[in-house]
């Protein structure tokens, strides 16, 4: 999953942890991306 581009916007750069409910990854917006970052939450 490292290096994967999520939603054509976020690049997965590191795995932070995992457990019974799933995995947590660190994602960054690649340089050169022109849109302003927004807070997005998933429940």
PDB file of N, CA and C in Angstrom:
ATOM      1  N   UNK A   1       0.827  -1.197   0.000  1.00  0.00           N
ATOM      2  CA  UNK A   1       0.000   0.000   0.000  1.00  0.00           C
ATOM      3  C   UNK A   1       0.871   1.262   0.000  1.00  0.00           C
ATOM      4  N   UNK A   2       2.098   1.185   0.490  1.00  0.00           N
ATOM      5  CA  UNK A   2       2.999   2.332   0.501  1.00  0.00           C
ATOM      6  C   UNK A   2       3.252   2.767  -0.941  1.00  0.00           C
ATOM      7  N   UNK A   3       3.123   4.060  -1.214  1.00  0.00           N
ATOM      8  CA  UNK A   3       3.299   4.586  -2.563  1.00  0.00           C
ATOM      9  C   UNK A   3       2.002   4.692  -3.351  1.00  0.00           C
ATOM     10  N   UNK A   4       0.916   4.122  -2.840  1.00  0.00           N
ATOM     11  CA  UNK A   4      -0.391   4.151  -3.505  1.00  0.00           C
ATOM     12  C   UNK A   4      -0.968   5.566  -3.462  1.00  0.00           C
ATOM     13  N   UNK A   5      -1.579   6.017  -4.564  1.00  0.00           N
ATOM     14  CA  UNK A   5      -2.257   7.313  -4.613  1.00  0.00           C
ATOM     15  C   UNK A   5      -3.736   7.068  -4.327  1.00  0.00           C
ATOM     16  N   UNK A   6      -4.226   7.678  -3.265  1.00  0.00           N
ATOM     17  CA  UNK A   6      -5.602   7.484  -2.821  1.00  0.00           C
ATOM     18  C   UNK A   6      -6.468   8.648  -3.274  1.00  0.00           C
ATOM     19  N   UNK A   7      -7.573   8.344  -3.904  1.00  0.00           N
ATOM     20  CA  UNK A   7      -8.547   9.339  -4.375  1.00  0.00           C
ATOM     21  C   UNK A   7      -7.897  10.394  -5.269  1.00  0.00           C
ATOM     22  N   UNK A   8      -6.900   9.996  -6.034  1.00  0.00           N
ATOM     23  CA  UNK A   8      -6.191  10.876  -6.971  1.00  0.00           C
ATOM     24  C   UNK A   8      -5.666  12.134  -6.276  1.00  0.00           C
ATOM     25  N   UNK A   9      -5.320  12.015  -4.981  1.00  0.00           N
ATOM     26  CA  UNK A   9      -4.899  13.194  -4.238  1.00  0.00           C
ATOM     27  C   UNK A   9      -3.846  12.903  -3.173  1.00  0.00           C
ATOM     28  N   UNK A  10      -4.006  11.828  -2.418  1.00  0.00           N
ATOM     29  CA  UNK A  10      -3.141  11.547  -1.279  1.00  0.00           C
ATOM     30  C   UNK A  10      -2.193  10.401  -1.598  1.00  0.00           C
ATOM     31  N   UNK A  11      -0.927  10.568  -1.268  1.00  0.00           N
ATOM     32  CA  UNK A  11       0.055   9.509  -1.469  1.00  0.00           C
ATOM     33  C   UNK A  11       0.346   8.865  -0.112  1.00  0.00           C
ATOM     34  N   UNK A  12       0.160   7.550  -0.010  1.00  0.00           N
ATOM     35  CA  UNK A  12       0.433   6.812   1.215  1.00  0.00           C
ATOM     36  C   UNK A  12       1.945   6.709   1.377  1.00  0.00           C
ATOM     37  N   UNK A  13       2.465   7.221   2.504  1.00  0.00           N
ATOM     38  CA  UNK A  13       3.916   7.249   2.689  1.00  0.00           C
ATOM     39  C   UNK A  13       4.420   6.334   3.797  1.00  0.00           C
ATOM     40  N   UNK A  14       3.556   5.933   4.739  1.00  0.00           N
ATOM     41  CA  UNK A  14       4.027   5.089   5.831  1.00  0.00           C
ATOM     42  C   UNK A  14       2.850   4.399   6.512  1.00  0.00           C
ATOM     43  N   UNK A  15       3.107   3.221   7.049  1.00  0.00           N
ATOM     44  CA  UNK A  15       2.102   2.512   7.840  1.00  0.00           C
ATOM     45  C   UNK A  15       2.368   2.827   9.305  1.00  0.00           C
ATOM     46  N   UNK A  16       1.364   3.368   9.992  1.00  0.00           N
ATOM     47  CA  UNK A  16       1.532   3.766  11.381  1.00  0.00           C
ATOM     48  C   UNK A  16       1.185   2.651  12.361  1.00  0.00           C
ATOM     49  N   UNK A  17       0.260   1.786  11.988  1.00  0.00           N
ATOM     50  CA  UNK A  17      -0.116   0.707  12.888  1.00  0.00           C
ATOM     51  C   UNK A  17      -1.255  -0.113  12.330  1.00  0.00           C
ATOM     52  N   UNK A  18      -1.579  -1.185  13.045  1.00  0.00           N
ATOM     53  CA  UNK A  18      -2.706  -2.030  12.646  1.00  0.00           C
ATOM     54  C   UNK A  18      -3.268  -2.711  13.890  1.00  0.00           C
ATOM     55  N   UNK A  19      -4.488  -3.163  13.754  1.00  0.00           N
ATOM     56  CA  UNK A  19      -5.162  -3.822  14.870  1.00  0.00           C
ATOM     57  C   UNK A  19      -6.355  -4.606  14.378  1.00  0.00           C
ATOM     58  N   UNK A  20      -7.236  -4.917  15.284  1.00  0.00           N
ATOM     59  CA  UNK A  20      -8.397  -5.739  14.969  1.00  0.00           C
ATOM     60  C   UNK A  20      -9.371  -5.052  14.012  1.00  0.00           C
ATOM     61  N   UNK A  21      -9.387  -3.718  13.987  1.00  0.00           N
ATOM     62  CA  UNK A  21     -10.358  -2.996  13.184  1.00  0.00           C
ATOM     63  C   UNK A  21      -9.801  -2.465  11.868  1.00  0.00           C
ATOM     64  N   UNK A  22      -8.513  -2.667  11.612  1.00  0.00           N
ATOM     65  CA  UNK A  22      -7.955  -2.209  10.346  1.00  0.00           C
ATOM     66  C   UNK A  22      -6.529  -1.710  10.491  1.00  0.00           C
ATOM     67  N   UNK A  23      -6.109  -0.928   9.526  1.00  0.00           N
ATOM     68  CA  UNK A  23      -4.750  -0.400   9.474  1.00  0.00           C
ATOM     69  C   UNK A  23      -4.784   1.120   9.362  1.00  0.00           C
ATOM     70  N   UNK A  24      -3.745   1.780   9.885  1.00  0.00           N
ATOM     71  CA  UNK A  24      -3.649   3.238   9.846  1.00  0.00           C
ATOM     72  C   UNK A  24      -2.399   3.606   9.067  1.00  0.00           C
ATOM     73  N   UNK A  25      -2.575   4.510   8.087  1.00  0.00           N
ATOM     74  CA  UNK A  25      -1.472   4.938   7.234  1.00  0.00           C
ATOM     75  C   UNK A  25      -1.300   6.449   7.303  1.00  0.00           C
ATOM     76  N   UNK A  26      -0.077   6.900   7.074  1.00  0.00           N
ATOM     77  CA  UNK A  26       0.218   8.314   6.954  1.00  0.00           C
ATOM     78  C   UNK A  26       0.182   8.670   5.474  1.00  0.00           C
ATOM     79  N   UNK A  27      -0.587   9.701   5.133  1.00  0.00           N
ATOM     80  CA  UNK A  27      -0.707  10.134   3.740  1.00  0.00           C
ATOM     81  C   UNK A  27      -0.354  11.607   3.625  1.00  0.00           C
ATOM     82  N   UNK A  28       0.243  11.966   2.521  1.00  0.00           N
ATOM     83  CA  UNK A  28       0.607  13.356   2.253  1.00  0.00           C
ATOM     84  C   UNK A  28       0.065  13.761   0.883  1.00  0.00           C
ATOM     85  N   UNK A  29      -0.141  15.066   0.720  1.00  0.00           N
ATOM     86  CA  UNK A  29      -0.510  15.605  -0.576  1.00  0.00           C
ATOM     87  C   UNK A  29       0.804  15.874  -1.314  1.00  0.00           C
ATOM     88  N   UNK A  30       1.013  15.267  -2.482  1.00  0.00           N
ATOM     89  CA  UNK A  30       2.273  15.472  -3.209  1.00  0.00           C
ATOM     90  C   UNK A  30       2.512  16.946  -3.552  1.00  0.00           C
ATOM     91  N   UNK A  31       3.788  17.347  -3.603  1.00  0.00           N
ATOM     92  CA  UNK A  31       4.118  18.721  -3.982  1.00  0.00           C
ATOM     93  C   UNK A  31       3.662  18.974  -5.409  1.00  0.00           C
ATOM     94  N   UNK A  32       3.291  20.202  -5.675  1.00  0.00           N
ATOM     95  CA  UNK A  32       2.795  20.553  -6.995  1.00  0.00           C
ATOM     96  C   UNK A  32       1.290  20.432  -7.124  1.00  0.00           C
ATOM     97  N   UNK A  33       0.626  19.913  -6.103  1.00  0.00           N
ATOM     98  CA  UNK A  33      -0.831  19.803  -6.138  1.00  0.00           C
ATOM     99  C   UNK A  33      -1.407  21.178  -5.866  1.00  0.00           C
ATOM    100  N   UNK A  34      -2.314  21.656  -6.699  1.00  0.00           N
ATOM    101  CA  UNK A  34      -2.739  23.046  -6.653  1.00  0.00           C
ATOM    102  C   UNK A  34      -3.940  23.324  -5.749  1.00  0.00           C
ATOM    103  N   UNK A  35      -4.729  22.329  -5.398  1.00  0.00           N
ATOM    104  CA  UNK A  35      -5.906  22.573  -4.565  1.00  0.00           C
ATOM    105  C   UNK A  35      -5.516  22.738  -3.107  1.00  0.00           C
ATOM    106  N   UNK A  36      -6.313  23.515  -2.372  1.00  0.00           N
ATOM    107  CA  UNK A  36      -6.078  23.710  -0.943  1.00  0.00           C
ATOM    108  C   UNK A  36      -6.486  22.446  -0.181  1.00  0.00           C
ATOM    109  N   UNK A  37      -5.703  22.058   0.842  1.00  0.00           N
ATOM    110  CA  UNK A  37      -6.081  20.872   1.624  1.00  0.00           C
ATOM    111  C   UNK A  37      -7.373  21.106   2.401  1.00  0.00           C
ATOM    112  N   UNK A  38      -8.132  20.042   2.579  1.00  0.00           N
ATOM    113  CA  UNK A  38      -9.386  20.105   3.322  1.00  0.00           C
ATOM    114  C   UNK A  38      -9.357  19.012   4.370  1.00  0.00           C
ATOM    115  N   UNK A  39     -10.101  19.226   5.428  1.00  0.00           N
ATOM    116  CA  UNK A  39     -10.243  18.190   6.456  1.00  0.00           C
ATOM    117  C   UNK A  39     -11.325  17.240   6.005  1.00  0.00           C
ATOM    118  N   UNK A  40     -10.981  15.950   5.927  1.00  0.00           N
ATOM    119  CA  UNK A  40     -11.949  14.942   5.544  1.00  0.00           C
ATOM    120  C   UNK A  40     -11.945  13.860   6.606  1.00  0.00           C
ATOM    121  N   UNK A  41     -13.134  13.470   7.067  1.00  0.00           N
ATOM    122  CA  UNK A  41     -13.229  12.453   8.099  1.00  0.00           C
ATOM    123  C   UNK A  41     -14.047  11.282   7.593  1.00  0.00           C
ATOM    124  N   UNK A  42     -13.623  10.100   7.949  1.00  0.00           N
ATOM    125  CA  UNK A  42     -14.353   8.882   7.604  1.00  0.00           C
ATOM    126  C   UNK A  42     -14.785   8.200   8.893  1.00  0.00           C
ATOM    127  N   UNK A  43     -16.019   7.785   8.947  1.00  0.00           N
ATOM    128  CA  UNK A  43     -16.527   7.092  10.128  1.00  0.00           C
ATOM    129  C   UNK A  43     -16.820   5.663   9.797  1.00  0.00           C
TER     130      UNK A  43
END
